[in-house]
Amino acid sequence: MHPLVRLAREAVENYVLKGQTISPPEELTPEMKEQAGVFVSIKKKGQLRGCIGTYMPSTENVATEIIQNAISAATRDPRFLPVEPSELDDLEYSVDILTRPERVTDLSELDPKRYGIIVVSGERRGLLLPDLEGVNTVDEQIGIASMKAGISMDEEKEIYRFEVKRYR
């Protein structure tokens, strides 16, 4: 298991079992020292169980970002009840490290397999990670991200793209 994924798992297990937030490891890997947006996804038997993240860094390093977002994915994703101790053995984790978002001026610059997107209209923003099962076209990607933010398809919007490095 990759150290970033192990860190996410340890953060969730510690929090669910003991109510404690772990500290980052003493020795940080090169990826953990960076500052970046991070998404932690949790699946149970192949089905999404929680996914929370930040598209821009909000802490001092990736290690801290993973710990916070892993706990949030397990306990604060509004789509799911908090993870129970009995579920811990059935959970699979993935960690996505995001590149800095860049504005898109033409839809030809998008590719749902390669790029995630952020759709912005006023204060509302919807984000969709890349390479998601069932999302095969740019229109589907924009539609889902817009819907998540409550942005209608005919509203004026800005679109940003980003890439991820996914660890499982």
C-alpha atoms as a PDB file:
ATOM      1  CA  MET A   1       0.000   0.000   0.000  1.00  0.00           C
ATOM      2  CA  HIS A   2       1.335   3.422  -0.951  1.00  0.00           C
ATOM      3  CA  PRO A   3       2.343   5.605   2.055  1.00  0.00           C
ATOM      4  CA  LEU A   4      -0.261   8.267   1.130  1.00  0.00           C
ATOM      5  CA  VAL A   5      -3.044   5.667   1.097  1.00  0.00           C
ATOM      6  CA  ARG A   6      -1.766   4.096   4.332  1.00  0.00           C
ATOM      7  CA  LEU A   7      -1.859   7.554   5.960  1.00  0.00           C
ATOM      8  CA  ALA A   8      -5.499   8.052   4.886  1.00  0.00           C
ATOM      9  CA  ARG A   9      -6.448   4.619   6.258  1.00  0.00           C
ATOM     10  CA  GLU A  10      -4.640   5.196   9.558  1.00  0.00           C
ATOM     11  CA  ALA A  11      -6.305   8.602   9.951  1.00  0.00           C
ATOM     12  CA  VAL A  12      -9.785   7.134   9.448  1.00  0.00           C
ATOM     13  CA  GLU A  13      -9.236   4.083  11.641  1.00  0.00           C
ATOM     14  CA  ASN A  14      -7.789   6.143  14.502  1.00  0.00           C
ATOM     15  CA  TYR A  15     -10.597   8.678  14.311  1.00  0.00           C
ATOM     16  CA  VAL A  16     -13.421   6.121  14.039  1.00  0.00           C
ATOM     17  CA  LEU A  17     -12.044   3.836  16.782  1.00  0.00           C
ATOM     18  CA  LYS A  18     -10.560   6.377  19.221  1.00  0.00           C
ATOM     19  CA  GLY A  19     -11.969   9.778  18.225  1.00  0.00           C
ATOM     20  CA  GLN A  20      -8.413  11.049  17.758  1.00  0.00           C
ATOM     21  CA  THR A  21      -6.764  12.890  14.874  1.00  0.00           C
ATOM     22  CA  ILE A  22      -3.334  11.445  14.156  1.00  0.00           C
ATOM     23  CA  SER A  23      -0.255  13.594  13.560  1.00  0.00           C
ATOM     24  CA  PRO A  24       1.638  13.466  10.269  1.00  0.00           C
ATOM     25  CA  PRO A  25       4.508  10.958  10.192  1.00  0.00           C
ATOM     26  CA  GLU A  26       7.867  12.102  11.605  1.00  0.00           C
ATOM     27  CA  GLU A  27       9.514  11.313   8.276  1.00  0.00           C
ATOM     28  CA  LEU A  28       7.524  12.787   5.396  1.00  0.00           C
ATOM     29  CA  THR A  29       7.875  11.283   1.914  1.00  0.00           C
ATOM     30  CA  PRO A  30       8.647  13.829  -0.840  1.00  0.00           C
ATOM     31  CA  GLU A  31       4.947  13.868  -1.900  1.00  0.00           C
ATOM     32  CA  MET A  32       3.835  14.536   1.686  1.00  0.00           C
ATOM     33  CA  LYS A  33       6.029  17.649   1.961  1.00  0.00           C
ATOM     34  CA  GLU A  34       4.375  19.412  -0.989  1.00  0.00           C
ATOM     35  CA  GLN A  35       1.415  21.748  -0.781  1.00  0.00           C
ATOM     36  CA  ALA A  36      -1.507  20.730  -2.979  1.00  0.00           C
ATOM     37  CA  GLY A  37      -5.208  20.124  -3.062  1.00  0.00           C
ATOM     38  CA  VAL A  38      -6.058  16.561  -2.026  1.00  0.00           C
ATOM     39  CA  PHE A  39      -9.141  14.375  -2.386  1.00  0.00           C
ATOM     40  CA  VAL A  40      -9.637  11.215  -0.368  1.00  0.00           C
ATOM     41  CA  SER A  41     -12.150   8.704  -1.708  1.00  0.00           C
ATOM     42  CA  ILE A  42     -13.410   5.759   0.306  1.00  0.00           C
ATOM     43  CA  LYS A  43     -15.187   2.792  -1.255  1.00  0.00           C
ATOM     44  CA  LYS A  44     -16.889  -0.168   0.350  1.00  0.00           C
ATOM     45  CA  LYS A  45     -17.315  -3.271  -1.821  1.00  0.00           C
ATOM     46  CA  GLY A  46     -16.757  -1.148  -4.929  1.00  0.00           C
ATOM     47  CA  GLN A  47     -19.369   1.477  -3.990  1.00  0.00           C
ATOM     48  CA  LEU A  48     -18.512   5.054  -3.000  1.00  0.00           C
ATOM     49  CA  ARG A  49     -18.670   5.439   0.795  1.00  0.00           C
ATOM     50  CA  GLY A  50     -17.256   8.973   1.104  1.00  0.00           C
ATOM     51  CA  CYS A  51     -15.245  11.509  -0.845  1.00  0.00           C
ATOM     52  CA  ILE A  52     -14.060  14.877   0.447  1.00  0.00           C
ATOM     53  CA  GLY A  53     -11.242  17.104  -0.668  1.00  0.00           C
ATOM     54  CA  THR A  54      -9.714  20.458  -1.261  1.00  0.00           C
ATOM     55  CA  TYR A  55      -8.869  21.720  -4.746  1.00  0.00           C
ATOM     56  CA  MET A  56      -6.333  24.207  -3.368  1.00  0.00           C
ATOM     57  CA  PRO A  57      -4.019  23.567  -0.429  1.00  0.00           C
ATOM     58  CA  SER A  58      -5.555  24.547   2.917  1.00  0.00           C
ATOM     59  CA  THR A  59      -2.823  23.227   5.247  1.00  0.00           C
ATOM     60  CA  GLU A  60       0.969  23.292   5.490  1.00  0.00           C
ATOM     61  CA  ASN A  61       1.498  20.048   3.541  1.00  0.00           C
ATOM     62  CA  VAL A  62      -0.082  17.113   1.735  1.00  0.00           C
ATOM     63  CA  ALA A  63       0.248  14.836   4.789  1.00  0.00           C
ATOM     64  CA  THR A  64      -1.945  17.119   6.919  1.00  0.00           C
ATOM     65  CA  GLU A  65      -4.342  17.639   3.996  1.00  0.00           C
ATOM     66  CA  ILE A  66      -4.739  13.835   3.661  1.00  0.00           C
ATOM     67  CA  ILE A  67      -5.419  13.374   7.388  1.00  0.00           C
ATOM     68  CA  GLN A  68      -8.091  16.094   7.481  1.00  0.00           C
ATOM     69  CA  ASN A  69      -9.784  15.054   4.223  1.00  0.00           C
ATOM     70  CA  ALA A  70      -9.722  11.327   5.063  1.00  0.00           C
ATOM     71  CA  ILE A  71     -11.505  11.980   8.364  1.00  0.00           C
ATOM     72  CA  SER A  72     -13.999  14.261   6.596  1.00  0.00           C
ATOM     73  CA  ALA A  73     -14.638  11.672   3.861  1.00  0.00           C
ATOM     74  CA  ALA A  74     -15.373   9.050   6.532  1.00  0.00           C
ATOM     75  CA  THR A  75     -17.461  11.207   8.859  1.00  0.00           C
ATOM     76  CA  ARG A  76     -18.693  14.404   7.150  1.00  0.00           C
ATOM     77  CA  ASP A  77     -19.692  13.547   3.580  1.00  0.00           C
ATOM     78  CA  PRO A  78     -23.340  14.679   3.603  1.00  0.00           C
ATOM     79  CA  ARG A  79     -24.322  11.867   1.216  1.00  0.00           C
ATOM     80  CA  PHE A  80     -23.461   9.143   3.748  1.00  0.00           C
ATOM     81  CA  LEU A  81     -23.748   8.265   7.416  1.00  0.00           C
ATOM     82  CA  PRO A  82     -20.422   8.344   9.301  1.00  0.00           C
ATOM     83  CA  VAL A  83     -18.278   5.221   8.933  1.00  0.00           C
ATOM     84  CA  GLU A  84     -18.858   2.678  11.718  1.00  0.00           C
ATOM     85  CA  PRO A  85     -16.051   0.645  13.335  1.00  0.00           C
ATOM     86  CA  SER A  86     -17.569  -2.560  11.903  1.00  0.00           C
ATOM     87  CA  GLU A  87     -17.009  -1.260   8.341  1.00  0.00           C
ATOM     88  CA  LEU A  88     -13.283  -0.491   8.629  1.00  0.00           C
ATOM     89  CA  ASP A  89     -12.036  -3.848   7.289  1.00  0.00           C
ATOM     90  CA  ASP A  90     -14.184  -3.478   4.141  1.00  0.00           C
ATOM     91  CA  LEU A  91     -12.964  -0.006   3.129  1.00  0.00           C
ATOM     92  CA  GLU A  92     -10.675   0.812   0.207  1.00  0.00           C
ATOM     93  CA  TYR A  93      -8.989   4.204  -0.066  1.00  0.00           C
ATOM     94  CA  SER A  94      -7.633   6.313  -2.876  1.00  0.00           C
ATOM     95  CA  VAL A  95      -5.821   9.624  -2.600  1.00  0.00           C
ATOM     96  CA  ASP A  96      -5.761  12.158  -5.441  1.00  0.00           C
ATOM     97  CA  ILE A  97      -3.158  14.922  -5.420  1.00  0.00           C
ATOM     98  CA  LEU A  98      -4.360  17.803  -7.606  1.00  0.00           C
ATOM     99  CA  THR A  99      -2.400  20.160  -9.815  1.00  0.00           C
ATOM    100  CA  ARG A 100      -3.253  23.862  -9.575  1.00  0.00           C
ATOM    101  CA  PRO A 101      -6.479  24.543 -11.531  1.00  0.00           C
ATOM    102  CA  GLU A 102      -6.134  26.431 -14.824  1.00  0.00           C
ATOM    103  CA  ARG A 103      -8.890  28.292 -16.651  1.00  0.00           C
ATOM    104  CA  VAL A 104     -10.232  26.703 -19.817  1.00  0.00           C
ATOM    105  CA  THR A 105     -11.166  28.970 -22.736  1.00  0.00           C
ATOM    106  CA  ASP A 106     -12.301  26.222 -25.116  1.00  0.00           C
ATOM    107  CA  LEU A 107     -14.047  22.919 -24.361  1.00  0.00           C
ATOM    108  CA  SER A 108     -11.570  21.153 -26.659  1.00  0.00           C
ATOM    109  CA  GLU A 109      -9.043  21.647 -23.835  1.00  0.00           C
ATOM    110  CA  LEU A 110     -11.011  19.173 -21.684  1.00  0.00           C
ATOM    111  CA  ASP A 111     -10.818  15.376 -21.505  1.00  0.00           C
ATOM    112  CA  PRO A 112     -12.865  13.652 -18.766  1.00  0.00           C
ATOM    113  CA  LYS A 113     -10.358  10.790 -18.527  1.00  0.00           C
ATOM    114  CA  ARG A 114      -7.341  13.102 -18.061  1.00  0.00           C
ATOM    115  CA  TYR A 115      -8.697  16.277 -16.423  1.00  0.00           C
ATOM    116  CA  GLY A 116     -10.971  16.992 -13.514  1.00  0.00           C
ATOM    117  CA  ILE A 117     -13.018  20.166 -13.743  1.00  0.00           C
ATOM    118  CA  ILE A 118     -14.309  22.951 -11.560  1.00  0.00           C
ATOM    119  CA  VAL A 119     -17.393  24.812 -12.791  1.00  0.00           C
ATOM    120  CA  VAL A 120     -17.814  28.265 -11.250  1.00  0.00           C
ATOM    121  CA  SER A 121     -20.729  30.701 -11.352  1.00  0.00           C
ATOM    122  CA  GLY A 122     -20.608  33.517  -8.828  1.00  0.00           C
ATOM    123  CA  GLU A 123     -19.945  31.981  -5.408  1.00  0.00           C
ATOM    124  CA  ARG A 124     -21.100  28.511  -6.471  1.00  0.00           C
ATOM    125  CA  ARG A 125     -18.596  25.915  -7.607  1.00  0.00           C
ATOM    126  CA  GLY A 126     -18.831  22.259  -8.465  1.00  0.00           C
ATOM    127  CA  LEU A 127     -15.873  19.931  -8.820  1.00  0.00           C
ATOM    128  CA  LEU A 128     -15.604  16.563 -10.510  1.00  0.00           C
ATOM    129  CA  LEU A 129     -12.489  14.396 -10.406  1.00  0.00           C
ATOM    130  CA  PRO A 130     -11.194  12.892 -13.663  1.00  0.00           C
ATOM    131  CA  ASP A 131     -11.468   9.321 -14.879  1.00  0.00           C
ATOM    132  CA  LEU A 132     -14.690   8.451 -13.046  1.00  0.00           C
ATOM    133  CA  GLU A 133     -16.686   5.374 -14.007  1.00  0.00           C
ATOM    134  CA  GLY A 134     -19.671   6.338 -16.158  1.00  0.00           C
ATOM    135  CA  VAL A 135     -18.380   9.824 -17.036  1.00  0.00           C
ATOM    136  CA  ASN A 136     -17.204   9.556 -20.639  1.00  0.00           C
ATOM    137  CA  THR A 137     -17.871  12.931 -22.283  1.00  0.00           C
ATOM    138  CA  VAL A 138     -17.049  16.554 -21.566  1.00  0.00           C
ATOM    139  CA  ASP A 139     -20.785  17.372 -21.574  1.00  0.00           C
ATOM    140  CA  GLU A 140     -21.483  14.730 -18.907  1.00  0.00           C
ATOM    141  CA  GLN A 141     -18.598  16.032 -16.812  1.00  0.00           C
ATOM    142  CA  ILE A 142     -19.758  19.664 -17.032  1.00  0.00           C
ATOM    143  CA  GLY A 143     -23.371  18.634 -16.363  1.00  0.00           C
ATOM    144  CA  ILE A 144     -22.529  16.686 -13.199  1.00  0.00           C
ATOM    145  CA  ALA A 145     -20.161  19.355 -11.837  1.00  0.00           C
ATOM    146  CA  SER A 146     -22.758  22.067 -12.562  1.00  0.00           C
ATOM    147  CA  MET A 147     -25.538  20.069 -10.908  1.00  0.00           C
ATOM    148  CA  LYS A 148     -23.404  19.555  -7.781  1.00  0.00           C
ATOM    149  CA  ALA A 149     -23.112  23.344  -7.482  1.00  0.00           C
ATOM    150  CA  GLY A 150     -26.722  24.146  -8.370  1.00  0.00           C
ATOM    151  CA  ILE A 151     -25.631  25.874 -11.596  1.00  0.00           C
ATOM    152  CA  SER A 152     -28.075  25.529 -14.501  1.00  0.00           C
ATOM    153  CA  MET A 153     -26.691  24.638 -17.920  1.00  0.00           C
ATOM    154  CA  ASP A 154     -27.704  27.996 -19.430  1.00  0.00           C
ATOM    155  CA  GLU A 155     -25.983  30.085 -16.724  1.00  0.00           C
ATOM    156  CA  GLU A 156     -22.775  31.963 -17.409  1.00  0.00           C
ATOM    157  CA  LYS A 157     -19.919  29.906 -15.969  1.00  0.00           C
ATOM    158  CA  GLU A 158     -16.171  29.620 -15.863  1.00  0.00           C
ATOM    159  CA  ILE A 159     -14.503  26.233 -16.231  1.00  0.00           C
ATOM    160  CA  TYR A 160     -11.143  25.244 -14.785  1.00  0.00           C
ATOM    161  CA  ARG A 161      -9.277  22.002 -15.331  1.00  0.00           C
ATOM    162  CA  PHE A 162      -6.747  20.142 -13.223  1.00  0.00           C
ATOM    163  CA  GLU A 163      -4.905  16.850 -13.329  1.00  0.00           C
ATOM    164  CA  VAL A 164      -4.505  14.371 -10.497  1.00  0.00           C
ATOM    165  CA  LYS A 165      -1.981  11.830  -9.444  1.00  0.00           C
ATOM    166  CA  ARG A 166      -4.060   8.971  -8.039  1.00  0.00           C
ATOM    167  CA  TYR A 167      -2.730   6.636  -5.387  1.00  0.00           C
ATOM    168  CA  ARG A 168      -4.543   3.415  -4.409  1.00  0.00           C
END
